[in-house]
Amino acid sequence: MLGVAAARFGAVEMSFLLVPMLLSGVLFDVAFTLVRRALAGERVIEAHRGHLYQVAARSGMDARLVAMLHWGFAALGGIVAIAFVYAPSPVKPLLPPLLLVPQLVWLGYVTAIARRARLERW
């Protein structure tokens, strides 16, 4: 809602970034999965279980914890989007990249637990 409201009323400079910030957790997972599958020569439109949250659950991580982490990514996206709205113009470009840090940590963690679980096919 924040992104739609800001875009509609022109309340925020560069408001086109708000929706991607709010959806950053989902967008990172989808983008990573599509790129990984394309590079592996897999059909990207075919059903699979290779999203990071699916790989984490298949590697033995409790599904409730995975869900809570992804809710956390959504909350962080909201916090950064709100900070973006109120930040001075010179600071605004620094905020969206901050959302990549927890996603990259999550990617590293999922990769590690998938290796430990000997999960060969993502």
Protein backbone atom coordinates (compact mmCIF):
# COMPACT_ATOMS: atom_id res chain seq x y z
CA MET A 1 0.00 0.00 0.00
CA LEU A 2 2.81 2.38 0.84
CA GLY A 3 4.31 2.10 -2.63
CA VAL A 4 0.97 2.55 -4.38
CA ALA A 5 0.04 5.55 -2.24
CA ALA A 6 3.41 7.23 -2.74
CA ALA A 7 3.38 6.63 -6.47
CA ARG A 8 -0.18 7.90 -6.85
CA PHE A 9 0.30 11.13 -4.97
CA GLY A 10 3.87 11.82 -5.99
CA ALA A 11 4.78 12.06 -2.33
CA VAL A 12 8.17 10.43 -2.75
CA GLU A 13 11.01 11.09 -5.11
CA MET A 14 11.93 7.84 -6.93
CA SER A 15 8.80 6.17 -5.56
CA PHE A 16 9.08 3.42 -8.18
CA LEU A 17 11.59 1.80 -5.80
CA LEU A 18 9.12 1.40 -2.95
CA VAL A 19 7.27 -1.66 -4.23
CA PRO A 20 10.50 -3.54 -5.07
CA MET A 21 11.81 -2.70 -1.58
CA LEU A 22 8.62 -4.02 0.00
CA LEU A 23 8.88 -7.23 -2.04
CA SER A 24 12.66 -7.55 -1.88
CA GLY A 25 12.66 -10.95 -0.13
CA VAL A 26 10.41 -12.54 -2.75
CA LEU A 27 12.10 -10.78 -5.65
CA PHE A 28 15.58 -11.91 -4.56
CA ASP A 29 14.43 -15.52 -4.18
CA VAL A 30 12.70 -15.59 -7.57
CA ALA A 31 15.56 -13.83 -9.39
CA PHE A 32 18.21 -16.07 -7.83
CA THR A 33 16.21 -19.22 -8.60
CA LEU A 34 15.55 -18.26 -12.22
CA VAL A 35 19.18 -17.33 -12.87
CA ARG A 36 20.49 -20.47 -11.14
CA ARG A 37 18.12 -22.72 -13.11
CA ALA A 38 18.89 -21.00 -16.42
CA LEU A 39 22.64 -21.33 -15.86
CA ALA A 40 22.17 -25.01 -14.99
CA GLY A 41 20.35 -25.56 -18.27
CA GLU A 42 17.04 -26.35 -16.58
CA ARG A 43 13.70 -25.30 -18.01
CA VAL A 44 12.75 -22.25 -15.98
CA ILE A 45 9.02 -22.61 -16.64
CA GLU A 46 8.89 -26.20 -15.37
CA ALA A 47 7.65 -26.96 -11.84
CA HIS A 48 10.45 -27.40 -9.31
CA ARG A 49 11.37 -27.22 -5.63
CA GLY A 50 14.44 -25.06 -5.97
CA HIS A 51 13.52 -21.78 -4.30
CA LEU A 52 15.71 -20.94 -1.33
CA TYR A 53 12.86 -21.41 1.16
CA GLN A 54 12.09 -24.82 -0.36
CA VAL A 55 15.73 -25.90 -0.32
CA ALA A 56 16.01 -24.81 3.33
CA ALA A 57 12.95 -26.88 4.28
CA ARG A 58 14.14 -29.88 2.26
CA SER A 59 17.51 -29.60 4.04
CA GLY A 60 15.83 -30.09 7.41
CA MET A 61 15.12 -26.53 8.53
CA ASP A 62 11.81 -26.18 10.35
CA ALA A 63 9.20 -24.75 7.97
CA ARG A 64 7.93 -22.41 10.70
CA LEU A 65 11.39 -20.90 11.07
CA VAL A 66 11.68 -20.49 7.30
CA ALA A 67 8.29 -18.73 7.26
CA MET A 68 9.29 -16.45 10.14
CA LEU A 69 12.51 -15.51 8.34
CA HIS A 70 10.61 -14.60 5.22
CA TRP A 71 8.16 -12.53 7.27
CA GLY A 72 11.25 -10.84 8.68
CA PHE A 73 12.46 -10.07 5.15
CA ALA A 74 9.06 -8.53 4.40
CA ALA A 75 9.17 -6.47 7.60
CA LEU A 76 12.69 -5.29 6.82
CA GLY A 77 11.56 -4.26 3.35
CA GLY A 78 8.77 -2.23 4.95
CA ILE A 79 11.13 -0.58 7.42
CA VAL A 80 13.60 0.35 4.68
CA ALA A 81 10.76 1.64 2.49
CA ILE A 82 9.50 3.87 5.31
CA ALA A 83 13.06 5.07 5.99
CA PHE A 84 13.38 5.78 2.27
CA VAL A 85 10.26 7.97 2.35
CA TYR A 86 11.63 10.14 5.15
CA ALA A 87 15.34 10.07 4.32
CA PRO A 88 17.06 13.13 2.87
CA SER A 89 17.75 12.87 -0.86
CA PRO A 90 21.49 12.12 -0.55
CA VAL A 91 20.77 9.11 1.69
CA LYS A 92 17.98 7.56 -0.42
CA PRO A 93 20.24 5.71 -2.90
CA LEU A 94 22.05 4.00 -0.01
CA LEU A 95 18.93 2.36 1.45
CA PRO A 96 17.74 -0.16 -1.20
CA PRO A 97 21.11 -1.98 -1.42
CA LEU A 98 20.91 -2.62 2.34
CA LEU A 99 18.17 -5.14 1.60
CA LEU A 100 20.66 -7.35 -0.24
CA VAL A 101 22.78 -8.00 2.84
CA PRO A 102 20.34 -10.28 4.72
CA GLN A 103 19.38 -11.99 1.45
CA LEU A 104 23.01 -12.82 0.68
CA VAL A 105 23.50 -14.11 4.23
CA TRP A 106 20.38 -16.26 3.80
CA LEU A 107 21.69 -17.57 0.46
CA GLY A 108 25.00 -18.53 2.10
CA TYR A 109 23.23 -20.24 4.98
CA VAL A 110 20.88 -22.23 2.73
CA THR A 111 23.81 -23.27 0.56
CA ALA A 112 25.68 -24.51 3.65
CA ILE A 113 22.78 -26.51 5.10
CA ALA A 114 21.97 -27.99 1.67
CA ARG A 115 25.57 -29.19 1.39
CA ARG A 116 25.46 -30.65 4.91
CA ALA A 117 22.20 -32.41 4.06
CA ARG A 118 23.84 -33.68 0.86
CA LEU A 119 21.03 -32.18 -1.15
CA GLU A 120 22.39 -32.48 -4.66
CA ARG A 121 19.50 -31.26 -6.76
CA TRP A 122 18.07 -27.86 -5.93
